[in-house]
Amino acid sequence: MSKCNCDVESLLTFTYKEVDGIRVLLDVYLPPDEVDQQFTRQVTRPAVVYFHGGGLTVGNKRSWFPTWLKSRLSARGIIFISADYRLTPPGTVYNILADVKDAIAFVAGDLNVQLDQELASLGSGSHFRIDPTSIGVAGTSAGGYCAYLCAIYAVPKPKVVLSLYGMGGDLLTDQYLAPKTQPFLRGRELLDPAQFSEYMHPFDSLKSTSDSPLVYHSQSYHIPGYPANPRMLISRLYLQLGVALDYITGQHEPSLSATLRKAIHIEDPFDEALISDHHKIIFPQFNVTSDWPPTYLIHGTSDTAVLPRESRNLHTLLLKAGVEVVLEELSGREHSFDYQPGAELENEGSFNDIIQFLIRHLT
């Protein structure tokens, strides 16, 4: 049975699975009381499950939290849920796939029982229940990848997908495969692999985790505000070394990245047989079908972390499959544009369009 930690009445934290000796958590944000009163006759509510970014290697359910999304959905009586998942390394995307599927299954199943129990124990008059036929998924950056995996494999299938600068739309690019000799991500310095030996294959004592919070050095540090949690840097290191797909798939010997790197530059068209059927299941671009849910993609044209071609490629594939899809490109915007100062005002129109798209498919 999943356990709950109730911080405040509107936020309930549940364990949706236990694996590798760790509890994997999700937060449930209930709409405020005044919104609840508007829906007293509505037995069940739609829900949106959000997956955080962090390059698959860092973060938790409260990292890079999309306040703009949660507040807008809550105001419309939609339950917002933010979920953890196991991080790479030592895990791989196969572990993440299992987690996001389990998260959706829990939200559509046992979570209602847990909500009833917790709200009753709090003496709350609220009667929030989740409609298992009206669940959407959303994610930023690496969380977009998680949302794509849900679109393909989750049961029940999500009704709608939102991806903000999501990775996974095209994993066969130089961004993942080519070693970098010059700064490539926001102009930031290249990293020294020797400083991150704990996170390089093979892993001698690295423990599985689903919670690695953002930590920064103080202003007195020689680089003020520099990341103090090494996990905040290793996804950039993997891209720098051109081995990201090794860590995504777990295929290090022989290196999948090295095999694909060579082939992509000498073969036209690219021979998909170089990627095993086993690995293809975690490449969203090989699993787009007509039953993929309606999808809203939004991406900055100047993104140097997840290239805009990823969303463009997925957009093309979804259109060919006959899926309803919107691709909004924001001129000159970098990665994580929605967390920059002034983002709420600058992106208000886009945010409202996103909400209308989600609501149309959830209600």
Protein backbone atom coordinates (compact mmCIF):
# COMPACT_ATOMS: atom_id res chain seq x y z
CA MET A 1 0.00 0.00 0.00
CA SER A 2 1.28 3.43 -0.84
CA LYS A 3 2.09 5.80 1.96
CA CYS A 4 1.15 9.47 2.15
CA ASN A 5 2.88 12.48 3.66
CA CYS A 6 0.42 15.39 3.94
CA ASP A 7 2.28 18.70 4.05
CA VAL A 8 -0.80 20.92 3.71
CA GLU A 9 -4.37 20.07 2.88
CA SER A 10 -3.98 20.96 -0.80
CA LEU A 11 -0.74 18.95 -1.23
CA LEU A 12 -0.58 15.24 -0.60
CA THR A 13 2.54 13.15 -1.19
CA PHE A 14 2.24 9.46 -2.01
CA THR A 15 4.62 6.58 -2.63
CA TYR A 16 3.47 5.07 -5.90
CA LYS A 17 6.03 2.25 -5.90
CA GLU A 18 8.95 0.82 -3.95
CA VAL A 19 11.88 -0.57 -5.92
CA ASP A 20 15.65 -0.94 -5.48
CA GLY A 21 15.16 -0.16 -1.80
CA ILE A 22 13.75 3.30 -2.50
CA ARG A 23 10.29 4.82 -2.39
CA VAL A 24 9.32 6.59 -5.62
CA LEU A 25 7.00 9.51 -4.86
CA LEU A 26 4.46 11.79 -6.45
CA ASP A 27 2.80 14.98 -5.22
CA VAL A 28 -0.92 15.57 -5.69
CA TYR A 29 -2.00 19.22 -5.79
CA LEU A 30 -5.71 19.58 -5.14
CA PRO A 31 -7.61 22.61 -6.43
CA PRO A 32 -8.38 25.26 -3.77
CA ASP A 33 -11.60 25.10 -1.77
CA GLU A 34 -13.29 27.88 -3.70
CA VAL A 35 -12.74 25.93 -6.92
CA ASP A 36 -13.96 22.74 -5.27
CA GLN A 37 -17.23 24.44 -4.41
CA GLN A 38 -17.81 25.18 -8.08
CA PHE A 39 -17.65 21.46 -8.87
CA THR A 40 -19.65 19.99 -5.99
CA ARG A 41 -21.76 17.93 -8.38
CA GLN A 42 -18.79 16.64 -10.34
CA VAL A 43 -17.84 13.26 -8.90
CA THR A 44 -14.52 12.91 -10.69
CA ARG A 45 -11.93 15.33 -12.02
CA PRO A 46 -9.39 15.22 -14.82
CA ALA A 47 -5.73 15.09 -13.83
CA VAL A 48 -2.43 16.04 -15.43
CA VAL A 49 0.70 14.10 -14.44
CA TYR A 50 3.87 16.17 -14.84
CA PHE A 51 7.44 14.84 -15.14
CA HIS A 52 10.36 17.11 -14.28
CA GLY A 53 13.40 17.89 -16.40
CA GLY A 54 17.05 17.44 -15.50
CA GLY A 55 18.58 15.52 -18.38
CA LEU A 56 17.31 12.24 -16.84
CA THR A 57 20.14 12.50 -14.30
CA VAL A 58 18.99 14.98 -11.65
CA GLY A 59 15.97 16.55 -10.02
CA ASN A 60 12.79 15.55 -8.25
CA LYS A 61 9.07 16.29 -8.32
CA ARG A 62 9.63 19.84 -7.05
CA SER A 63 12.58 20.74 -9.28
CA TRP A 64 11.92 23.25 -12.06
CA PHE A 65 8.30 23.26 -10.94
CA PRO A 66 5.86 24.69 -13.54
CA THR A 67 3.87 27.01 -11.30
CA TRP A 68 2.18 28.59 -14.32
CA LEU A 69 0.80 25.20 -15.39
CA LYS A 70 -0.27 24.02 -11.95
CA SER A 71 -2.04 27.27 -11.06
CA ARG A 72 -3.96 27.45 -14.33
CA LEU A 73 -5.09 23.83 -14.13
CA SER A 74 -6.04 24.09 -10.46
CA ALA A 75 -8.17 27.15 -11.21
CA ARG A 76 -10.17 24.98 -13.61
CA GLY A 77 -10.69 22.12 -11.19
CA ILE A 78 -8.03 19.87 -12.70
CA ILE A 79 -5.83 17.89 -10.31
CA PHE A 80 -2.11 18.47 -10.88
CA ILE A 81 0.35 15.69 -10.06
CA SER A 82 4.14 15.87 -10.15
CA ALA A 83 5.98 12.54 -10.16
CA ASP A 84 9.49 11.36 -9.42
CA TYR A 85 11.19 8.63 -11.45
CA ARG A 86 14.47 6.77 -11.09
CA LEU A 87 17.42 8.69 -12.46
CA THR A 88 20.28 7.71 -14.73
CA PRO A 89 22.85 6.47 -13.85
CA PRO A 90 22.94 3.76 -12.59
CA GLY A 91 19.44 3.29 -13.98
CA THR A 92 18.53 3.55 -17.64
CA VAL A 93 15.47 4.69 -19.56
CA TYR A 94 14.14 1.14 -19.20
CA ASN A 95 13.83 1.85 -15.47
CA ILE A 96 12.24 5.21 -16.20
CA LEU A 97 9.79 3.57 -18.60
CA ALA A 98 8.70 1.16 -15.86
CA ASP A 99 8.30 4.04 -13.41
CA VAL A 100 6.21 6.33 -15.60
CA LYS A 101 3.93 3.43 -16.53
CA ASP A 102 3.53 2.61 -12.84
CA ALA A 103 2.85 6.26 -12.03
CA ILE A 104 -0.03 6.45 -14.51
CA ALA A 105 -1.43 3.10 -13.38
CA PHE A 106 -1.33 4.28 -9.75
CA VAL A 107 -3.00 7.60 -10.56
CA ALA A 108 -5.75 5.79 -12.49
CA GLY A 109 -6.19 3.13 -9.81
CA ASP A 110 -5.10 3.08 -6.18
CA LEU A 111 -4.70 6.82 -5.82
CA ASN A 112 -8.45 7.41 -5.48
CA VAL A 113 -8.62 5.07 -2.51
CA GLN A 114 -5.66 6.83 -0.94
CA LEU A 115 -7.22 10.25 -1.58
CA ASP A 116 -10.43 9.21 0.13
CA GLN A 117 -8.54 7.99 3.17
CA GLU A 118 -6.30 11.01 3.49
CA LEU A 119 -8.99 13.62 2.97
CA ALA A 120 -11.17 11.84 5.51
CA SER A 121 -8.33 11.74 8.04
CA LEU A 122 -7.88 15.48 7.58
CA GLY A 123 -11.55 16.10 8.19
CA SER A 124 -11.77 17.72 4.77
CA GLY A 125 -15.13 18.27 3.12
CA SER A 126 -13.49 17.94 -0.26
CA HIS A 127 -14.52 15.05 -2.52
CA PHE A 128 -11.77 15.02 -5.08
CA ARG A 129 -11.52 11.89 -7.18
CA ILE A 130 -9.56 11.34 -10.36
CA ASP A 131 -11.31 10.30 -13.54
CA PRO A 132 -9.16 7.41 -14.83
CA THR A 133 -10.46 8.07 -18.35
CA SER A 134 -9.29 11.70 -18.29
CA ILE A 135 -5.56 11.76 -17.48
CA GLY A 136 -3.07 13.89 -19.38
CA VAL A 137 0.72 13.93 -19.22
CA ALA A 138 3.17 16.80 -19.39
CA GLY A 139 6.90 17.31 -19.11
CA THR A 140 9.74 19.72 -19.63
CA SER A 141 13.02 18.69 -21.27
CA ALA A 142 13.75 15.14 -20.01
CA GLY A 143 10.22 15.15 -18.63
CA GLY A 144 8.99 15.48 -22.20
CA TYR A 145 10.74 12.17 -22.94
CA CYS A 146 8.81 10.65 -20.01
CA ALA A 147 5.56 12.05 -21.40
CA TYR A 148 6.31 10.47 -24.80
CA LEU A 149 6.90 7.09 -23.16
CA CYS A 150 3.53 7.44 -21.45
CA ALA A 151 1.90 8.27 -24.78
CA ILE A 152 3.22 4.99 -26.19
CA TYR A 153 3.00 2.57 -23.28
CA ALA A 154 0.95 3.84 -20.33
CA VAL A 155 -2.31 2.14 -19.39
CA PRO A 156 -4.70 3.84 -19.46
CA LYS A 157 -3.42 5.80 -22.42
CA PRO A 158 -3.22 9.53 -21.67
CA LYS A 159 -5.86 11.70 -23.30
CA VAL A 160 -3.39 14.46 -24.16
CA VAL A 161 0.36 15.17 -24.14
CA LEU A 162 2.18 18.44 -23.42
CA SER A 163 5.92 18.71 -24.08
CA LEU A 164 7.97 21.82 -23.47
CA TYR A 165 11.36 21.57 -25.24
CA GLY A 166 11.14 17.82 -24.74
CA MET A 167 13.99 15.46 -25.50
CA GLY A 168 13.32 12.16 -27.25
CA GLY A 169 11.80 13.44 -30.48
CA ASP A 170 14.99 12.58 -32.35
CA LEU A 171 17.77 10.79 -30.49
CA LEU A 172 19.86 10.18 -33.61
CA THR A 173 21.57 13.56 -33.82
CA ASP A 174 25.05 14.92 -33.24
CA GLN A 175 23.77 16.51 -30.03
CA TYR A 176 23.73 13.00 -28.55
CA LEU A 177 26.35 11.22 -30.64
CA ALA A 178 29.18 13.63 -31.52
CA PRO A 179 32.04 14.38 -29.11
CA LYS A 180 32.32 18.13 -28.52
CA THR A 181 35.61 20.04 -28.49
CA GLN A 182 34.10 23.52 -28.09
CA PRO A 183 31.43 24.88 -25.73
CA PHE A 184 28.05 23.85 -27.12
CA LEU A 185 25.41 24.36 -24.40
CA ARG A 186 24.71 28.01 -23.60
CA GLY A 187 28.42 28.65 -24.15
CA ARG A 188 29.28 26.92 -20.89
CA GLU A 189 32.73 25.46 -20.33
CA LEU A 190 33.63 21.90 -21.25
CA LEU A 191 33.78 19.53 -18.30
CA ASP A 192 36.64 17.34 -17.09
CA PRO A 193 35.47 13.69 -17.07
CA ALA A 194 37.98 12.89 -14.33
CA GLN A 195 35.91 15.02 -11.95
CA PHE A 196 32.88 12.78 -12.46
CA SER A 197 34.36 9.26 -12.27
CA GLU A 198 31.59 8.10 -9.91
CA TYR A 199 29.05 8.67 -12.68
CA MET A 200 31.03 7.05 -15.48
CA HIS A 201 30.57 3.43 -16.54
CA PRO A 202 31.29 1.01 -14.93
CA PHE A 203 29.64 2.08 -11.68
CA ASP A 204 31.30 0.60 -8.64
CA SER A 205 29.09 1.86 -5.83
CA LEU A 206 26.57 4.25 -7.33
CA LYS A 207 23.18 3.75 -5.71
CA SER A 208 19.82 4.03 -7.43
CA THR A 209 17.87 7.20 -6.66
CA SER A 210 14.71 8.95 -7.71
CA ASP A 211 15.46 12.16 -5.81
CA SER A 212 18.52 14.32 -6.42
CA PRO A 213 17.69 17.93 -5.55
CA LEU A 214 19.16 21.03 -7.10
CA VAL A 215 22.01 22.43 -4.98
CA TYR A 216 24.14 25.48 -5.77
CA HIS A 217 27.31 26.95 -4.30
CA SER A 218 27.08 30.21 -2.40
CA GLN A 219 28.01 33.59 -3.83
CA SER A 220 31.38 33.31 -2.05
CA TYR A 221 32.35 30.31 -4.21
CA HIS A 222 34.91 31.03 -6.93
CA ILE A 223 32.08 30.55 -9.44
CA PRO A 224 29.12 32.05 -7.55
CA GLY A 225 25.98 29.96 -7.81
CA TYR A 226 27.72 27.09 -9.62
CA PRO A 227 25.99 23.69 -9.29
CA ALA A 228 27.10 21.91 -6.12
CA ASN A 229 25.32 18.66 -6.96
CA PRO A 230 27.47 16.88 -9.58
CA ARG A 231 24.36 15.24 -11.02
CA MET A 232 23.39 18.66 -12.33
CA LEU A 233 26.34 18.49 -14.73
CA ILE A 234 26.61 14.88 -15.86
CA SER A 235 23.95 14.97 -18.57
CA ARG A 236 25.97 17.80 -20.16
CA LEU A 237 29.11 15.66 -19.77
CA TYR A 238 27.49 12.72 -21.57
CA LEU A 239 26.48 15.00 -24.44
CA GLN A 240 29.98 16.47 -24.50
CA LEU A 241 31.55 13.01 -24.78
CA GLY A 242 28.98 11.85 -27.34
CA VAL A 243 27.93 8.88 -25.20
CA ALA A 244 24.47 9.92 -24.02
CA LEU A 245 22.78 6.97 -25.72
CA ASP A 246 25.05 4.53 -23.88
CA TYR A 247 23.63 5.82 -20.59
CA ILE A 248 20.07 6.02 -21.91
CA THR A 249 20.07 2.40 -23.10
CA GLY A 250 22.70 0.86 -20.83
CA GLN A 251 24.68 -0.43 -23.83
CA HIS A 252 28.28 0.48 -23.07
CA GLU A 253 30.20 -2.54 -24.39
CA PRO A 254 30.19 -2.22 -27.30
CA SER A 255 29.25 1.43 -27.18
CA LEU A 256 25.94 2.03 -28.93
CA SER A 257 26.91 5.67 -29.41
CA ALA A 258 30.17 4.78 -31.18
CA THR A 259 28.37 2.34 -33.48
CA LEU A 260 25.69 4.85 -34.43
CA ARG A 261 28.12 7.76 -34.70
CA LYS A 262 30.10 5.97 -37.38
CA ALA A 263 27.05 4.76 -39.26
CA ILE A 264 25.15 8.03 -39.27
CA HIS A 265 27.97 9.77 -41.11
CA ILE A 266 28.66 7.08 -43.71
CA GLU A 267 25.22 5.65 -44.44
CA ASP A 268 22.45 7.39 -46.32
CA PRO A 269 19.76 6.51 -45.53
CA PHE A 270 20.55 5.44 -41.98
CA ASP A 271 20.15 1.69 -41.37
CA GLU A 272 17.72 1.36 -38.48
CA ALA A 273 18.78 -2.26 -38.07
CA LEU A 274 21.85 -0.96 -36.23
CA ILE A 275 19.52 -0.33 -33.29
CA SER A 276 18.14 -3.53 -31.82
CA ASP A 277 14.40 -4.02 -31.52
CA HIS A 278 14.93 -4.11 -27.77
CA HIS A 279 16.40 -0.60 -27.77
CA LYS A 280 13.90 0.77 -30.25
CA ILE A 281 11.14 0.52 -27.69
CA ILE A 282 12.66 3.48 -25.81
CA PHE A 283 13.18 5.60 -28.94
CA PRO A 284 9.89 7.51 -29.29
CA GLN A 285 10.60 8.27 -32.96
CA PHE A 286 10.27 4.55 -33.80
CA ASN A 287 6.95 4.18 -31.99
CA VAL A 288 4.65 6.85 -33.39
CA THR A 289 1.29 5.38 -34.40
CA SER A 290 -2.18 6.70 -35.09
CA ASP A 291 -3.29 6.07 -31.50
CA TRP A 292 -0.73 8.51 -30.06
CA PRO A 293 -2.73 11.09 -28.02
CA PRO A 294 -3.27 14.67 -29.20
CA THR A 295 -0.03 16.55 -28.51
CA TYR A 296 1.09 20.12 -27.93
CA LEU A 297 4.80 20.76 -28.55
CA ILE A 298 6.47 24.07 -27.70
CA HIS A 299 10.16 24.80 -28.23
CA GLY A 300 12.51 27.76 -28.40
CA THR A 301 14.29 28.15 -31.73
CA SER A 302 17.62 28.94 -30.01
CA ASP A 303 17.61 25.97 -27.63
CA THR A 304 21.15 24.61 -27.25
CA ALA A 305 20.33 21.85 -24.73
CA VAL A 306 17.54 20.03 -26.59
CA LEU A 307 17.68 21.10 -30.22
CA PRO A 308 14.40 22.32 -31.75
CA ARG A 309 14.75 19.71 -34.48
CA GLU A 310 13.62 17.14 -31.89
CA SER A 311 10.16 18.68 -31.61
CA ARG A 312 10.07 19.33 -35.35
CA ASN A 313 10.84 15.69 -36.09
CA LEU A 314 8.19 14.41 -33.71
CA HIS A 315 5.70 16.92 -35.14
CA THR A 316 6.34 15.56 -38.64
CA LEU A 317 5.95 11.96 -37.49
CA LEU A 318 2.71 12.70 -35.67
CA LEU A 319 1.26 14.51 -38.66
CA LYS A 320 2.10 11.55 -40.90
CA ALA A 321 0.34 9.26 -38.42
CA GLY A 322 -2.78 11.43 -38.50
CA VAL A 323 -2.45 12.59 -34.89
CA GLU A 324 -3.71 16.02 -33.82
CA VAL A 325 -0.56 17.96 -33.00
CA VAL A 326 0.46 21.57 -32.48
CA LEU A 327 4.06 22.76 -32.75
CA GLU A 328 4.68 26.24 -31.40
CA GLU A 329 8.17 27.63 -31.94
CA LEU A 330 9.25 30.64 -29.92
CA SER A 331 11.76 32.73 -31.83
CA GLY A 332 15.11 33.24 -30.13
CA ARG A 333 14.18 31.43 -26.92
CA GLU A 334 16.66 29.19 -25.13
CA HIS A 335 16.10 26.08 -23.06
CA SER A 336 13.89 26.52 -19.97
CA PHE A 337 12.45 29.75 -21.33
CA ASP A 338 9.43 29.35 -19.04
CA TYR A 339 11.61 29.71 -15.92
CA GLN A 340 13.31 32.96 -16.93
CA PRO A 341 12.51 36.28 -15.21
CA GLY A 342 9.37 37.76 -16.72
CA ALA A 343 8.35 34.45 -18.30
CA GLU A 344 4.76 34.64 -17.05
CA LEU A 345 4.13 37.94 -18.80
CA GLU A 346 6.19 37.17 -21.88
CA ASN A 347 4.59 33.78 -22.48
CA GLU A 348 1.06 34.46 -21.22
CA GLY A 349 -0.55 33.92 -24.63
CA SER A 350 1.27 30.63 -25.19
CA PHE A 351 0.50 29.41 -21.68
CA ASN A 352 -3.20 30.15 -22.13
CA ASP A 353 -3.27 28.40 -25.51
CA ILE A 354 -1.67 25.34 -23.91
CA ILE A 355 -4.30 25.26 -21.16
CA GLN A 356 -7.13 25.51 -23.68
CA PHE A 357 -5.64 22.60 -25.64
CA LEU A 358 -5.33 20.47 -22.51
CA ILE A 359 -8.83 21.26 -21.28
CA ARG A 360 -10.38 20.55 -24.66
CA HIS A 361 -9.03 17.02 -24.57
CA LEU A 362 -9.53 16.36 -20.86
CA THR A 363 -13.08 17.57 -20.30
